[in-house]
Amino acid sequence: MSKKRLARRRRPSPTQGGLLDGIIQCGEHGCPMIRIGDDYVCAFDQINHQVGLRAITDILLGSEADQLPTRLVFEGGKTLPLLCPCCGEAQYLTDADLALDKVAGRILFAMKWIPPQQDAPEGAVCMVFSESAQALVNEAYIDVHWRAATGIQ
């Protein structure tokens, strides 16, 4: 390939993921590594760095017509897409108020890697939410596909 042709190639955006997404596993957590910018990082570390120990403040409903997933909004404005833990497709909620009543104000306290199994063949991230940043209090759980870590905005 000529240098001119190489210069015209577009680099994938960070949200498109990299060629090795999901192939390389994190040695500490066992979950997939994902491409963020020019680096590969652990999906857990990405979620934790962006929204860990922050409370949910809102839910943005997705649009099936536009294939935009429902998003959790955290303190500081970061949003995390809800992706089906089984297939990684966008999840759509129809009643944000009902969902928000269950998770509003809860803090992303911990996460657990769910290894690949029949109902989640690529594995999933179980996010544990608590009413307290110091201890599990009235916890709630939300499972998402690990690719949700690449869609944090």
Protein backbone atom coordinates (compact mmCIF):
# COMPACT_ATOMS: atom_id res chain seq x y z
CA MET A 1 0.00 0.00 0.00
CA SER A 2 1.23 3.45 -0.76
CA LYS A 3 1.66 6.06 1.94
CA LYS A 4 -1.00 8.17 0.26
CA ARG A 5 -3.55 5.38 0.56
CA LEU A 6 -2.65 4.73 4.19
CA ALA A 7 -3.15 8.39 5.02
CA ARG A 8 -6.72 8.24 3.71
CA ARG A 9 -7.78 5.27 5.82
CA ARG A 10 -10.19 6.25 8.55
CA ARG A 11 -9.47 5.07 12.04
CA PRO A 12 -12.43 3.52 13.82
CA SER A 13 -13.98 5.72 16.47
CA PRO A 14 -13.57 4.59 20.09
CA THR A 15 -17.23 3.58 20.25
CA GLN A 16 -16.89 1.26 17.26
CA GLY A 17 -14.47 -0.89 19.17
CA GLY A 18 -11.31 -2.52 18.03
CA LEU A 19 -10.50 -5.72 16.20
CA LEU A 20 -9.46 -7.43 19.43
CA ASP A 21 -12.46 -6.34 21.55
CA GLY A 22 -13.70 -9.35 23.49
CA ILE A 23 -10.81 -11.58 22.39
CA ILE A 24 -8.26 -10.38 24.94
CA GLN A 25 -9.27 -11.06 28.55
CA CYS A 26 -8.35 -9.00 31.60
CA GLY A 27 -6.00 -10.96 33.86
CA GLU A 28 -7.47 -9.44 37.01
CA HIS A 29 -11.23 -9.66 36.38
CA GLY A 30 -11.53 -12.19 33.55
CA CYS A 31 -13.72 -9.83 31.52
CA PRO A 32 -12.96 -8.65 27.97
CA MET A 33 -10.53 -5.89 27.12
CA ILE A 34 -11.95 -3.12 24.91
CA ARG A 35 -10.42 -0.48 22.73
CA ILE A 36 -10.73 3.08 24.04
CA GLY A 37 -8.83 5.57 21.92
CA ASP A 38 -5.45 4.02 21.14
CA ASP A 39 -5.38 1.65 24.12
CA TYR A 40 -7.04 -1.55 25.25
CA VAL A 41 -8.50 -1.39 28.73
CA CYS A 42 -10.47 -3.75 30.94
CA ALA A 43 -14.26 -3.29 30.50
CA PHE A 44 -14.63 -3.18 34.31
CA ASP A 45 -11.96 -0.52 34.66
CA GLN A 46 -13.61 1.60 31.95
CA ILE A 47 -17.03 1.43 33.63
CA ASN A 48 -15.53 2.02 37.07
CA HIS A 49 -13.41 4.96 35.91
CA GLN A 50 -16.31 6.65 34.12
CA VAL A 51 -19.30 6.01 36.41
CA GLY A 52 -18.14 4.01 39.45
CA LEU A 53 -19.33 5.29 42.84
CA ARG A 54 -21.65 7.76 41.11
CA ALA A 55 -25.40 7.85 41.60
CA ILE A 56 -27.97 7.40 38.86
CA THR A 57 -29.78 10.69 38.32
CA ASP A 58 -31.96 9.97 35.28
CA ILE A 59 -32.85 7.53 32.54
CA LEU A 60 -32.94 8.51 28.87
CA LEU A 61 -35.38 6.41 26.91
CA GLY A 62 -34.00 4.86 23.76
CA SER A 63 -35.59 4.67 20.36
CA GLU A 64 -36.03 1.35 18.62
CA ALA A 65 -36.67 3.16 15.32
CA ASP A 66 -33.31 4.94 15.62
CA GLN A 67 -31.64 1.94 17.32
CA LEU A 68 -30.60 4.11 20.26
CA PRO A 69 -30.48 2.23 23.57
CA THR A 70 -31.97 3.41 26.81
CA ARG A 71 -29.19 5.08 28.83
CA LEU A 72 -28.56 5.45 32.55
CA VAL A 73 -27.48 8.99 33.46
CA PHE A 74 -25.01 9.31 36.34
CA GLU A 75 -23.88 12.20 38.52
CA GLY A 76 -21.58 14.35 36.44
CA GLY A 77 -23.58 13.71 33.26
CA LYS A 78 -21.94 10.51 31.99
CA THR A 79 -24.34 8.03 30.42
CA LEU A 80 -24.10 4.26 30.04
CA PRO A 81 -26.12 2.43 27.38
CA LEU A 82 -28.27 -0.52 28.41
CA LEU A 83 -27.25 -3.35 26.10
CA CYS A 84 -28.87 -6.77 26.29
CA PRO A 85 -26.54 -9.05 28.28
CA CYS A 86 -27.39 -11.96 25.94
CA CYS A 87 -26.78 -10.43 22.52
CA GLY A 88 -25.38 -6.90 23.00
CA GLU A 89 -28.31 -5.26 21.18
CA ALA A 90 -29.84 -2.01 22.46
CA GLN A 91 -32.45 -2.34 25.21
CA TYR A 92 -35.49 -0.10 25.15
CA LEU A 93 -37.57 0.83 28.18
CA THR A 94 -41.08 2.12 27.74
CA ASP A 95 -41.56 3.62 31.20
CA ALA A 96 -38.56 5.63 32.39
CA ASP A 97 -40.40 6.81 35.51
CA LEU A 98 -41.04 3.27 36.72
CA ALA A 99 -37.44 2.24 36.06
CA LEU A 100 -36.08 5.44 37.61
CA ASP A 101 -38.13 4.84 40.77
CA LYS A 102 -36.21 1.57 41.22
CA VAL A 103 -32.69 2.92 40.68
CA ALA A 104 -32.70 6.71 41.18
CA GLY A 105 -30.06 7.86 43.62
CA ARG A 106 -28.41 4.46 43.82
CA ILE A 107 -24.67 4.36 43.47
CA LEU A 108 -22.73 1.98 41.25
CA PHE A 109 -21.12 0.15 44.15
CA ALA A 110 -19.62 -2.98 42.60
CA MET A 111 -19.50 -5.14 39.50
CA LYS A 112 -19.26 -8.85 38.83
CA TRP A 113 -18.19 -10.61 35.63
CA ILE A 114 -20.67 -13.25 34.49
CA PRO A 115 -18.68 -15.71 32.37
CA PRO A 116 -20.13 -16.91 29.05
CA GLN A 117 -23.07 -19.25 29.49
CA GLN A 118 -26.12 -20.32 27.51
CA ASP A 119 -28.20 -17.18 28.16
CA ALA A 120 -25.20 -14.82 27.80
CA PRO A 121 -22.83 -16.50 25.30
CA GLU A 122 -20.32 -13.61 25.35
CA GLY A 123 -20.53 -13.04 29.10
CA ALA A 124 -22.01 -10.00 30.83
CA VAL A 125 -21.33 -7.40 33.50
CA CYS A 126 -23.53 -7.44 36.58
CA MET A 127 -23.62 -3.93 38.02
CA VAL A 128 -24.51 -3.72 41.71
CA PHE A 129 -26.15 -0.51 42.89
CA SER A 130 -26.50 0.56 46.51
CA GLU A 131 -28.11 3.40 48.40
CA SER A 132 -24.78 3.92 50.19
CA ALA A 133 -21.22 4.29 48.95
CA GLN A 134 -19.94 2.61 52.15
CA ALA A 135 -21.97 -0.61 52.19
CA LEU A 136 -24.58 -2.57 50.28
CA VAL A 137 -27.93 -1.11 51.30
CA ASN A 138 -31.12 -2.06 49.45
CA GLU A 139 -29.06 -3.21 46.50
CA ALA A 140 -30.32 -3.43 42.93
CA TYR A 141 -28.74 -5.31 40.04
CA ILE A 142 -28.56 -4.53 36.33
CA ASP A 143 -26.87 -6.88 33.87
CA VAL A 144 -25.48 -5.43 30.64
CA HIS A 145 -23.38 -6.69 27.77
CA TRP A 146 -19.70 -5.87 28.25
CA ARG A 147 -19.74 -3.69 25.09
CA ALA A 148 -21.76 -1.12 27.09
CA ALA A 149 -18.36 0.02 28.41
CA THR A 150 -17.43 1.24 24.92
CA GLY A 151 -20.58 3.37 24.69
CA ILE A 152 -20.16 5.51 27.81
CA GLN A 153 -20.57 9.17 26.86
